[in-house]
Every structure is written in C-alpha cells, then in structure tokens.
Amino acid sequence: MQRRTPLKYPLVMGTLTLNLDEALLARLAERATRAGLAPEALARAALAGFLAGDDPFAFVGIGEAADLAGRRVDELLSQGFEGTS
C-alpha cells in the first residue's frame, strides 16, 4: 500500500522540554490559537524557522548610524542647537 500524502514530520522525533514564564506561555498560546495550531506545533515551527536562518529579528540594526551619534542623542540634545544654521 502506498502512502497518499507525504509525511509532515520525520518518523523519529526527539523531545525537548522548555520552561517558559507565564507571560511567554500566554503569548505562545494566544498566537497558536490565532494560527489554528497547537502551541507545540507553533513552537516547533518557530524553532525550525529560526534555525533555518529565517531570523524574525534580522531587521535589527538596519539603518544603525555608522558614527554612533544616535547613541549620544541625549547628550547632543542637552547641548542645545548652538552652532546650527
């Protein structure tokens, strides 16, 4: 007998236990509900995507100032606008 649909997961799977704080667990459950998934399935998909290089935070740092003046914004503002035209 031939299988009609391909397997969604490998035949052998390991188990990983995560300790999540209540806030993170609630966020995971809420997102899973919106996606129509079990929380475990959403966590598995998120981890698989992250490890595949689909980093959801890849945008962090884009547009960062090369001279790091942005990190000194409070200092620069406290000096006022002297010398500006």
N, C-alpha and C. Protein backbone atom coordinates (compact mmCIF):
# COMPACT_ATOMS: atom_id res chain seq x y z
N MET A 1 0.84 -1.18 0.00
CA MET A 1 0.00 0.00 0.00
C MET A 1 0.88 1.25 0.00
N GLN A 2 0.55 2.19 -0.85
CA GLN A 2 1.36 3.40 -0.98
C GLN A 2 0.71 4.55 -0.20
N ARG A 3 1.57 5.34 0.46
CA ARG A 3 1.07 6.50 1.23
C ARG A 3 0.64 7.58 0.25
N ARG A 4 -0.57 8.13 0.45
CA ARG A 4 -1.10 9.14 -0.46
C ARG A 4 -0.53 10.54 -0.21
N THR A 5 -0.28 10.86 1.04
CA THR A 5 0.26 12.19 1.35
C THR A 5 1.63 12.03 1.97
N PRO A 6 2.53 12.96 1.69
CA PRO A 6 3.88 12.86 2.29
C PRO A 6 3.81 13.10 3.80
N LEU A 7 4.75 12.52 4.50
CA LEU A 7 4.81 12.72 5.94
C LEU A 7 5.14 14.18 6.25
N LYS A 8 4.48 14.70 7.24
CA LYS A 8 4.70 16.09 7.63
C LYS A 8 5.97 16.22 8.48
N TYR A 9 6.29 15.20 9.25
CA TYR A 9 7.44 15.21 10.14
C TYR A 9 8.22 13.92 9.93
N PRO A 10 9.49 13.93 10.29
CA PRO A 10 10.26 12.68 10.19
C PRO A 10 9.65 11.61 11.09
N LEU A 11 9.92 10.38 10.77
CA LEU A 11 9.37 9.28 11.56
C LEU A 11 9.89 9.28 12.98
N VAL A 12 11.11 9.71 13.18
CA VAL A 12 11.69 9.71 14.51
C VAL A 12 11.82 11.17 14.98
N MET A 13 11.24 11.44 16.14
CA MET A 13 11.31 12.79 16.69
C MET A 13 11.83 12.70 18.12
N GLY A 14 12.60 13.68 18.52
CA GLY A 14 13.08 13.76 19.89
C GLY A 14 12.14 14.64 20.70
N THR A 15 12.40 14.70 21.98
CA THR A 15 11.59 15.51 22.88
C THR A 15 12.47 16.58 23.51
N LEU A 16 11.94 17.78 23.58
CA LEU A 16 12.63 18.90 24.20
C LEU A 16 11.64 19.55 25.16
N THR A 17 12.05 19.77 26.36
CA THR A 17 11.19 20.41 27.35
C THR A 17 11.67 21.84 27.54
N LEU A 18 10.76 22.79 27.44
CA LEU A 18 11.07 24.20 27.63
C LEU A 18 10.36 24.70 28.87
N ASN A 19 11.06 25.47 29.67
CA ASN A 19 10.45 26.13 30.82
C ASN A 19 10.19 27.57 30.43
N LEU A 20 8.92 27.93 30.27
CA LEU A 20 8.53 29.27 29.85
C LEU A 20 7.84 29.98 31.00
N ASP A 21 8.12 31.28 31.14
CA ASP A 21 7.40 32.01 32.17
C ASP A 21 5.95 32.17 31.72
N GLU A 22 5.09 32.55 32.64
CA GLU A 22 3.65 32.61 32.35
C GLU A 22 3.32 33.57 31.22
N ALA A 23 4.01 34.70 31.16
CA ALA A 23 3.72 35.69 30.12
C ALA A 23 4.07 35.13 28.73
N LEU A 24 5.22 34.48 28.61
CA LEU A 24 5.62 33.93 27.32
C LEU A 24 4.71 32.77 26.93
N LEU A 25 4.34 31.95 27.89
CA LEU A 25 3.44 30.84 27.62
C LEU A 25 2.08 31.35 27.14
N ALA A 26 1.60 32.44 27.75
CA ALA A 26 0.31 33.02 27.34
C ALA A 26 0.40 33.58 25.92
N ARG A 27 1.53 34.24 25.59
CA ARG A 27 1.72 34.77 24.23
C ARG A 27 1.76 33.65 23.21
N LEU A 28 2.46 32.56 23.55
CA LEU A 28 2.54 31.41 22.66
C LEU A 28 1.15 30.81 22.44
N ALA A 29 0.39 30.64 23.50
CA ALA A 29 -0.95 30.07 23.38
C ALA A 29 -1.86 30.96 22.56
N GLU A 30 -1.77 32.27 22.75
CA GLU A 30 -2.61 33.21 22.02
C GLU A 30 -2.29 33.20 20.53
N ARG A 31 -1.00 33.22 20.20
CA ARG A 31 -0.59 33.19 18.79
C ARG A 31 -0.97 31.86 18.14
N ALA A 32 -0.81 30.78 18.89
CA ALA A 32 -1.16 29.47 18.36
C ALA A 32 -2.65 29.39 18.06
N THR A 33 -3.46 29.93 18.95
CA THR A 33 -4.91 29.94 18.74
C THR A 33 -5.25 30.72 17.48
N ARG A 34 -4.63 31.90 17.31
CA ARG A 34 -4.88 32.72 16.11
C ARG A 34 -4.48 31.98 14.84
N ALA A 35 -3.40 31.19 14.93
CA ALA A 35 -2.91 30.47 13.75
C ALA A 35 -3.62 29.13 13.55
N GLY A 36 -4.46 28.75 14.50
CA GLY A 36 -5.16 27.47 14.40
C GLY A 36 -4.25 26.29 14.62
N LEU A 37 -3.23 26.48 15.46
CA LEU A 37 -2.25 25.43 15.74
C LEU A 37 -2.21 25.12 17.23
N ALA A 38 -1.68 23.97 17.54
CA ALA A 38 -1.37 23.67 18.94
C ALA A 38 -0.13 24.47 19.31
N PRO A 39 -0.01 24.91 20.56
CA PRO A 39 1.18 25.66 20.96
C PRO A 39 2.48 24.92 20.64
N GLU A 40 2.47 23.60 20.80
CA GLU A 40 3.67 22.81 20.50
C GLU A 40 4.04 22.90 19.02
N ALA A 41 3.04 22.88 18.15
CA ALA A 41 3.29 22.96 16.71
C ALA A 41 3.85 24.33 16.34
N LEU A 42 3.31 25.38 16.96
CA LEU A 42 3.81 26.73 16.68
C LEU A 42 5.25 26.88 17.18
N ALA A 43 5.54 26.38 18.36
CA ALA A 43 6.90 26.45 18.90
C ALA A 43 7.87 25.68 18.01
N ARG A 44 7.45 24.50 17.54
CA ARG A 44 8.29 23.68 16.67
C ARG A 44 8.57 24.43 15.36
N ALA A 45 7.53 25.04 14.77
CA ALA A 45 7.71 25.77 13.51
C ALA A 45 8.59 27.00 13.70
N ALA A 46 8.41 27.71 14.83
CA ALA A 46 9.23 28.89 15.10
C ALA A 46 10.69 28.51 15.26
N LEU A 47 10.95 27.44 15.99
CA LEU A 47 12.33 26.99 16.19
C LEU A 47 12.94 26.51 14.88
N ALA A 48 12.19 25.78 14.08
CA ALA A 48 12.69 25.30 12.79
C ALA A 48 13.03 26.49 11.88
N GLY A 49 12.17 27.49 11.85
CA GLY A 49 12.43 28.68 11.04
C GLY A 49 13.65 29.44 11.51
N PHE A 50 13.78 29.58 12.82
CA PHE A 50 14.93 30.29 13.38
C PHE A 50 16.23 29.58 13.04
N LEU A 51 16.25 28.27 13.21
CA LEU A 51 17.47 27.51 12.94
C LEU A 51 17.78 27.41 11.44
N ALA A 52 16.77 27.60 10.60
CA ALA A 52 16.99 27.58 9.15
C ALA A 52 17.51 28.92 8.65
N GLY A 53 17.60 29.89 9.55
CA GLY A 53 18.11 31.20 9.16
C GLY A 53 17.02 32.20 8.89
N ASP A 54 15.78 31.82 9.08
CA ASP A 54 14.66 32.75 8.90
C ASP A 54 14.49 33.55 10.18
N ASP A 55 15.50 34.32 10.51
CA ASP A 55 15.51 35.07 11.76
C ASP A 55 14.48 36.19 11.72
N PRO A 56 13.46 36.13 12.58
CA PRO A 56 12.45 37.18 12.56
C PRO A 56 12.98 38.53 13.03
N PHE A 57 14.18 38.55 13.60
CA PHE A 57 14.76 39.79 14.09
C PHE A 57 15.93 40.25 13.23
N ALA A 58 15.99 39.78 12.00
CA ALA A 58 17.10 40.13 11.11
C ALA A 58 17.15 41.62 10.81
N PHE A 59 16.02 42.30 10.95
CA PHE A 59 15.97 43.74 10.66
C PHE A 59 16.66 44.58 11.73
N VAL A 60 16.90 44.02 12.91
CA VAL A 60 17.51 44.78 13.99
C VAL A 60 18.91 45.24 13.56
N GLY A 61 19.16 46.51 13.71
CA GLY A 61 20.46 47.05 13.34
C GLY A 61 20.50 47.68 11.97
N ILE A 62 19.49 47.41 11.14
CA ILE A 62 19.45 48.03 9.82
C ILE A 62 19.26 49.52 10.01
N GLY A 63 20.08 50.30 9.37
CA GLY A 63 19.98 51.74 9.48
C GLY A 63 20.69 52.31 10.69
N GLU A 64 21.46 51.48 11.38
CA GLU A 64 22.20 51.96 12.54
C GLU A 64 23.24 52.97 12.08
N ALA A 65 23.36 54.06 12.81
CA ALA A 65 24.29 55.12 12.43
C ALA A 65 25.73 54.62 12.52
N ALA A 66 26.48 54.89 11.48
CA ALA A 66 27.87 54.45 11.44
C ALA A 66 28.72 55.18 12.48
N ASP A 67 28.39 56.45 12.75
CA ASP A 67 29.21 57.23 13.69
C ASP A 67 28.72 57.11 15.13
N LEU A 68 27.67 56.34 15.35
CA LEU A 68 27.12 56.10 16.67
C LEU A 68 26.59 57.36 17.36
N ALA A 69 26.34 58.42 16.59
CA ALA A 69 25.79 59.65 17.17
C ALA A 69 24.42 59.40 17.78
N GLY A 70 23.69 58.45 17.24
CA GLY A 70 22.38 58.13 17.76
C GLY A 70 22.42 57.65 19.20
N ARG A 71 23.51 57.03 19.59
CA ARG A 71 23.65 56.57 20.97
C ARG A 71 23.91 57.72 21.92
N ARG A 72 24.31 58.88 21.37
CA ARG A 72 24.61 60.05 22.20
C ARG A 72 23.52 61.10 22.08
N VAL A 73 22.32 60.69 21.65
CA VAL A 73 21.28 61.66 21.36
C VAL A 73 20.94 62.53 22.57
N ASP A 74 20.86 61.96 23.77
CA ASP A 74 20.54 62.76 24.95
C ASP A 74 21.62 63.80 25.22
N GLU A 75 22.87 63.38 25.08
CA GLU A 75 23.98 64.31 25.29
C GLU A 75 23.95 65.44 24.27
N LEU A 76 23.73 65.10 23.01
CA LEU A 76 23.70 66.10 21.95
C LEU A 76 22.53 67.05 22.12
N LEU A 77 21.38 66.55 22.52
CA LEU A 77 20.22 67.42 22.73
C LEU A 77 20.41 68.33 23.93
N SER A 78 21.10 67.84 24.96
CA SER A 78 21.31 68.67 26.15
C SER A 78 22.22 69.86 25.84
N GLN A 79 23.02 69.76 24.79
CA GLN A 79 23.90 70.85 24.39
C GLN A 79 23.14 71.92 23.62
N GLY A 80 21.90 71.64 23.28
CA GLY A 80 21.10 72.61 22.54
C GLY A 80 21.46 72.61 21.07
N PHE A 81 21.01 73.63 20.39
CA PHE A 81 21.20 73.73 18.96
C PHE A 81 22.22 74.81 18.61
N GLU A 82 23.18 75.00 19.47
CA GLU A 82 24.22 76.02 19.24
C GLU A 82 25.02 75.64 18.00
N GLY A 83 25.29 76.60 17.20
CA GLY A 83 26.13 76.36 16.03
C GLY A 83 25.39 75.78 14.86
N THR A 84 24.05 75.64 14.97
CA THR A 84 23.31 75.13 13.82
C THR A 84 22.77 76.29 13.02
N SER A 85 22.59 76.10 11.75
CA SER A 85 22.06 77.18 10.93
C SER A 85 20.61 76.97 10.63
